[in-house]
Protein backbone atom coordinates (compact mmCIF):
# COMPACT_ATOMS: atom_id res chain seq x y z
CA MET A 1 -28.87 -21.53 10.18
CA VAL A 2 -28.30 -20.44 6.51
CA GLU A 3 -30.56 -17.45 6.82
CA LEU A 4 -28.80 -16.56 10.18
CA LEU A 5 -25.29 -16.61 8.44
CA GLN A 6 -26.68 -14.60 5.39
CA PHE A 7 -28.17 -11.95 7.66
CA ILE A 8 -25.04 -11.71 9.71
CA SER A 9 -22.93 -11.42 6.56
CA SER A 10 -25.24 -8.60 5.11
CA GLY A 11 -25.32 -6.91 8.59
CA LEU A 12 -21.57 -6.63 9.04
CA THR A 13 -21.09 -5.50 5.48
CA VAL A 14 -23.59 -2.62 5.85
CA GLY A 15 -22.63 -2.14 9.39
CA ALA A 16 -18.87 -1.71 8.44
CA ILE A 17 -19.85 1.18 6.04
CA TYR A 18 -21.93 2.81 8.69
CA ALA A 19 -18.94 2.48 11.05
CA LEU A 20 -16.70 4.35 8.73
CA VAL A 21 -19.31 7.04 8.42
CA ALA A 22 -19.56 7.41 12.13
CA LEU A 23 -15.74 7.46 12.36
CA GLY A 24 -15.86 10.52 10.17
CA PHE A 25 -18.15 12.08 12.52
CA THR A 26 -16.17 11.20 15.36
CA LEU A 27 -12.75 12.38 14.25
CA ILE A 28 -14.27 15.74 13.30
CA TYR A 29 -16.07 16.20 16.62
CA LYS A 30 -13.22 15.20 18.73
CA ALA A 31 -10.88 17.89 17.08
CA SER A 32 -13.45 20.82 16.85
CA ASP A 33 -16.64 19.88 18.47
CA ILE A 34 -18.52 20.07 15.28
CA ILE A 35 -21.16 17.65 13.93
CA ASN A 36 -20.46 17.37 10.22
CA PHE A 37 -23.48 16.73 8.46
CA ALA A 38 -21.78 16.77 5.15
CA GLN A 39 -20.09 13.65 6.03
CA GLY A 40 -22.45 11.58 3.87
CA GLU A 41 -21.69 13.72 0.76
CA PHE A 42 -17.86 12.64 1.24
CA VAL A 43 -19.12 9.02 0.73
CA MET A 44 -21.26 10.11 -2.36
CA LEU A 45 -18.43 11.96 -3.91
CA GLY A 46 -15.94 9.02 -3.57
CA GLY A 47 -18.32 6.50 -5.36
CA MET A 48 -19.69 8.92 -7.97
CA THR A 49 -16.38 10.51 -8.72
CA THR A 50 -14.94 6.92 -9.17
CA VAL A 51 -17.79 5.89 -11.44
CA PHE A 52 -17.71 8.81 -13.94
CA LEU A 53 -13.72 8.64 -14.09
CA ALA A 54 -14.02 5.06 -14.79
CA LEU A 55 -16.68 5.69 -17.52
CA ALA A 56 -14.26 8.27 -19.03
CA GLY A 57 -11.71 5.67 -19.54
CA VAL A 58 -9.76 5.90 -16.27
CA PRO A 59 -8.49 2.47 -14.70
CA VAL A 60 -10.71 1.92 -11.83
CA ALA A 61 -7.96 1.71 -9.37
CA LEU A 62 -6.41 5.07 -10.61
CA ALA A 63 -9.96 6.58 -10.64
CA ALA A 64 -10.35 5.38 -6.78
CA VAL A 65 -7.31 7.04 -5.90
CA VAL A 66 -8.13 10.36 -7.77
CA ALA A 67 -11.64 10.24 -6.11
CA ILE A 68 -10.10 9.93 -2.66
CA ILE A 69 -7.75 12.93 -3.45
CA VAL A 70 -10.60 15.09 -4.74
CA THR A 71 -12.80 14.34 -1.80
CA THR A 72 -10.08 14.97 0.48
CA ALA A 73 -9.43 18.59 -1.09
CA ILE A 74 -13.12 19.14 -0.71
CA GLY A 75 -12.89 18.47 2.75
CA LEU A 76 -10.19 20.68 3.40
CA ALA A 77 -11.94 23.50 1.50
CA LEU A 78 -15.04 22.84 3.66
CA HIS A 79 -12.96 23.59 6.67
CA ARG A 80 -11.25 26.67 5.28
CA PHE A 81 -13.83 28.34 3.52
CA ALA A 82 -16.94 27.53 5.63
CA ILE A 83 -16.07 26.42 9.29
CA GLU A 84 -13.00 28.45 9.88
CA PRO A 85 -14.38 31.91 9.05
CA ALA A 86 -17.39 30.92 11.40
CA ARG A 87 -14.75 30.11 14.15
CA GLY A 88 -16.47 30.99 17.54
CA ALA A 89 -19.95 30.76 16.40
CA SER A 90 -22.49 28.73 18.38
CA PRO A 91 -22.69 25.08 17.75
CA VAL A 92 -26.14 25.33 16.09
CA VAL A 93 -24.70 27.74 13.60
CA LEU A 94 -21.85 25.44 12.76
CA ILE A 95 -24.23 22.45 12.40
CA MET A 96 -26.26 24.78 10.08
CA ILE A 97 -23.26 25.54 7.96
CA THR A 98 -22.49 21.72 7.35
CA ILE A 99 -25.93 21.19 6.49
CA GLY A 100 -25.72 23.80 3.94
CA ALA A 101 -22.55 22.47 2.51
CA SER A 102 -24.34 19.08 2.22
CA ILE A 103 -27.08 20.56 0.22
CA PHE A 104 -24.57 22.46 -1.87
CA LEU A 105 -22.27 19.32 -2.44
CA ARG A 106 -25.40 17.40 -3.49
CA GLY A 107 -26.61 20.09 -5.87
CA VAL A 108 -23.19 20.21 -7.67
CA ALA A 109 -23.20 16.71 -7.89
CA GLN A 110 -26.40 16.55 -9.68
CA ILE A 111 -25.20 18.95 -11.99
CA ILE A 112 -21.69 17.59 -12.77
CA PHE A 113 -22.87 13.74 -12.68
CA ASP A 114 -26.48 12.89 -13.19
CA LYS A 115 -29.59 11.66 -11.25
CA ARG A 116 -29.20 7.90 -12.11
CA PHE A 117 -27.98 5.15 -10.08
CA HIS A 118 -24.50 3.66 -10.75
CA SER A 119 -22.28 0.76 -9.85
CA LEU A 120 -18.70 -0.36 -10.13
CA PRO A 121 -17.33 -3.75 -10.86
CA PRO A 122 -16.49 -5.75 -7.71
CA MET A 123 -12.77 -5.93 -7.02
CA PHE A 124 -12.51 -9.77 -6.82
CA GLY A 125 -15.30 -11.06 -9.12
CA ALA A 126 -19.02 -11.26 -8.57
CA ASP A 127 -19.41 -15.08 -7.94
CA PRO A 128 -20.35 -15.62 -4.35
CA ILE A 129 -18.54 -17.61 -1.85
CA LEU A 130 -20.64 -20.43 -0.05
CA LEU A 131 -19.99 -20.56 3.58
CA GLY A 132 -22.25 -22.91 5.71
CA GLY A 133 -24.67 -22.73 2.80
CA ALA A 134 -24.90 -18.87 2.99
CA ALA A 135 -23.69 -16.87 -0.27
CA ILE A 136 -21.34 -14.25 0.60
CA LEU A 137 -20.08 -11.91 -2.02
CA PRO A 138 -16.39 -11.27 -2.36
CA GLN A 139 -16.86 -7.59 -2.36
CA SER A 140 -18.37 -7.99 1.30
CA LEU A 141 -15.31 -9.48 2.42
CA VAL A 142 -13.22 -6.58 0.81
CA VAL A 143 -15.51 -4.15 2.77
CA LEU A 144 -14.93 -5.87 6.20
CA ALA A 145 -11.28 -6.28 5.63
CA SER A 146 -10.78 -2.76 4.44
CA ALA A 147 -12.98 -1.37 7.40
CA THR A 148 -10.72 -3.37 9.69
CA ALA A 149 -7.60 -2.13 8.24
CA ILE A 150 -8.79 1.54 8.30
CA VAL A 151 -9.73 1.26 12.07
CA THR A 152 -6.51 -0.24 12.91
CA LEU A 153 -4.40 2.34 11.20
CA LEU A 154 -6.25 5.12 12.58
CA TRP A 155 -5.64 3.57 16.07
CA LEU A 156 -2.08 3.13 15.43
CA PHE A 157 -1.77 6.88 14.20
CA ILE A 158 -3.52 8.28 17.19
CA ASP A 159 -1.79 5.95 19.62
CA ARG A 160 1.68 5.74 18.28
CA THR A 161 2.58 8.97 16.47
CA LEU A 162 3.34 12.49 17.59
CA LEU A 163 0.76 13.92 15.31
CA GLY A 164 -1.85 11.62 16.86
CA LYS A 165 -1.01 12.83 20.35
CA ALA A 166 -1.55 16.28 18.99
CA VAL A 167 -4.94 15.36 17.84
CA LEU A 168 -5.69 13.89 21.13
CA ALA A 169 -4.41 17.14 22.95
CA THR A 170 -6.64 19.13 20.77
CA ALA A 171 -9.62 17.10 21.57
CA ALA A 172 -9.01 17.15 25.24
CA ASN A 173 -8.29 20.95 25.39
CA ARG A 174 -7.77 23.37 22.48
CA LEU A 175 -6.57 26.12 24.57
CA ALA A 176 -4.14 24.06 26.48
CA ALA A 177 -2.85 22.43 23.25
CA ARG A 178 -2.35 25.98 21.68
CA LEU A 179 -0.40 26.96 24.97
CA ILE A 180 2.09 24.09 24.32
CA GLY A 181 2.76 25.03 20.74
CA ILE A 182 0.23 22.79 18.69
CA ASN A 183 -1.11 24.48 15.64
CA THR A 184 -4.83 23.48 16.45
CA ARG A 185 -6.02 24.92 13.18
CA ASN A 186 -3.92 22.53 11.17
CA ILE A 187 -5.07 19.75 13.51
CA VAL A 188 -8.75 20.48 12.86
CA GLU A 189 -8.01 20.63 8.94
CA LEU A 190 -6.32 17.30 9.29
CA SER A 191 -9.46 15.67 10.99
CA PHE A 192 -11.54 17.10 8.04
CA ALA A 193 -9.21 15.62 5.30
CA VAL A 194 -8.87 12.27 7.04
CA SER A 195 -12.58 12.23 7.59
CA ALA A 196 -13.22 13.22 3.93
CA ALA A 197 -10.76 10.47 2.75
CA ILE A 198 -12.53 7.76 4.93
CA GLY A 199 -15.91 8.79 3.50
CA ALA A 200 -14.60 8.58 0.14
CA ILE A 201 -13.14 5.02 0.69
CA ALA A 202 -16.45 4.04 1.99
CA GLY A 203 -18.36 5.12 -0.93
CA ILE A 204 -15.94 3.27 -3.36
CA LEU A 205 -16.10 0.12 -1.25
CA ILE A 206 -19.95 0.12 -1.03
CA THR A 207 -20.87 1.06 -4.65
CA PRO A 208 -20.18 -2.53 -6.14
CA ILE A 209 -22.86 -3.65 -3.66
CA ALA A 210 -25.40 -1.02 -3.01
CA LEU A 211 -25.04 1.36 -5.98
CA THR A 212 -24.42 4.97 -5.76
CA SER A 213 -26.13 8.21 -6.86
CA TYR A 214 -26.03 11.97 -6.08
CA ASP A 215 -28.33 11.80 -3.14
CA VAL A 216 -27.17 8.78 -1.36
CA GLY A 217 -25.05 10.83 1.09
CA THR A 218 -28.09 12.10 3.16
CA LEU A 219 -29.37 8.65 4.40
CA LEU A 220 -25.87 7.60 4.95
CA ALA A 221 -25.12 10.56 7.05
CA LEU A 222 -28.18 10.10 9.16
CA LYS A 223 -27.25 6.27 9.87
CA GLY A 224 -23.75 7.28 10.65
CA PHE A 225 -24.91 9.83 13.03
CA ALA A 226 -27.22 7.29 14.51
CA ALA A 227 -24.16 4.91 14.99
CA VAL A 228 -22.44 7.82 16.77
CA MET A 229 -25.33 8.51 19.04
CA LEU A 230 -25.55 4.85 19.96
CA GLY A 231 -22.01 4.33 20.61
CA GLY A 232 -21.46 7.47 22.30
CA ILE A 233 -20.43 10.75 20.65
CA GLY A 234 -16.71 11.31 20.58
CA SER A 235 -15.83 7.71 21.15
CA ALA A 236 -13.98 6.02 18.16
CA LEU A 237 -14.97 2.49 19.57
CA GLY A 238 -18.40 3.53 20.15
CA ALA A 239 -18.68 4.58 16.41
CA VAL A 240 -17.53 1.31 15.22
CA VAL A 241 -19.76 -0.78 17.55
CA GLY A 242 -22.71 1.41 16.94
CA GLY A 243 -22.41 1.12 13.11
CA LEU A 244 -22.10 -2.56 13.30
CA VAL A 245 -25.09 -2.82 15.68
CA ILE A 246 -27.20 -0.75 13.32
CA GLY A 247 -26.25 -2.86 10.33
CA MET A 248 -27.11 -5.99 12.06
CA ILE A 249 -30.37 -4.69 13.34
CA GLU A 250 -31.26 -3.58 9.90
CA ALA A 251 -30.42 -6.87 8.41
CA PHE A 252 -32.28 -8.91 10.78
CA GLY A 253 -35.24 -6.48 10.79
CA ALA A 254 -35.45 -6.66 6.91
CA GLY A 255 -34.91 -10.52 6.94
CA TYR A 256 -37.41 -11.33 9.57
CA PHE A 257 -40.06 -8.52 9.27
CA SER A 258 -39.95 -6.10 6.29
CA SER A 259 -37.45 -4.21 4.37
CA ASN A 260 -39.90 -1.38 4.11
CA TYR A 261 -38.96 -0.41 7.70
CA LYS A 262 -35.19 -0.83 7.33
CA ASP A 263 -34.42 2.78 6.87
CA ALA A 264 -36.50 3.65 9.91
CA VAL A 265 -34.17 1.79 12.26
CA ALA A 266 -31.73 4.47 12.60
CA PHE A 267 -34.26 7.21 13.46
CA LEU A 268 -35.66 4.78 16.11
CA ILE A 269 -32.22 4.13 17.63
CA ILE A 270 -31.64 8.02 17.69
CA LEU A 271 -34.94 8.48 19.74
CA VAL A 272 -34.31 5.59 22.08
CA VAL A 273 -30.60 6.70 22.77
CA LEU A 274 -31.85 10.34 23.32
CA ILE A 275 -34.39 9.20 25.83
CA PHE A 276 -32.72 6.30 27.79
CA ILE A 277 -28.82 6.56 27.30
CA PRO A 278 -28.13 10.02 25.99
CA GLN A 279 -24.31 9.58 26.58
CA GLY A 280 -24.20 6.38 24.44
CA LEU A 281 -22.91 3.10 25.18
CA PHE A 282 -19.13 4.09 25.41
CA GLY A 283 -19.78 7.94 25.85
CA ARG A 284 -19.15 9.75 29.01
CA ALA A 285 -21.56 12.20 30.72
CA LYS A 286 -20.10 15.75 30.76
CA VAL A 287 -19.69 17.26 34.21
CA GLU A 288 -19.51 20.95 34.50
CA ARG A 289 -18.59 23.10 37.48
CA VAL A 290 -20.65 26.17 38.29
């Protein structure tokens, strides 16, 4: 029973980060039909920028805020200088642009920062909390609470605000949205900015637990994409559920079998979903009239 609680705690913590990465993918896809493989780099930038600002003497809380702002600005720059000029290009070209942006950001981070792993102090101490015999880190609770708050705020924004309705309209039909006066370019920029901010927050939250380095974004992006595929591409609920499921499978697989195969779980899930349920758990199959 103790082991079970420990694995559940670990799985939910990591799964919450995957869910946030998957939400970033989903936001951009819904607004622009683009799969942004630079999403993992936003997570890396959030963590690494916070670490190096803190090492420079900036208070951690202020460093985190600055890191979110910097990462958001980079997300906007990615859209304005890489995606927008290629507007109208095929999906494959746009995907290649985001992969190129990911490689570029990783290379710049390697130059500006370094190649070592770094950590941040936990927000509420490092002493574990005993729950049913299982040791749960306070930072794990922070991750879960923050992820829940982000998902809730995002839902309220989309469902209860006029700007959120504009995002839904752009996602449903960009041409129709333009015809009723919605500036779809600004909406797509907003989706990149919000996705970058969510990625940065995820990076800041996970760094005290899992460390960060200039190249952590690649694997996080792949696992976030696996969560999107499992939940159903374009579904925010699916992104959250997919992230949590992958986190739980990883935790139980590492605990009961071997941690050597933990990172293979995401790739296996992508293959299974593509073969058996290509629309994902909450996705909808597209029907096109010819």
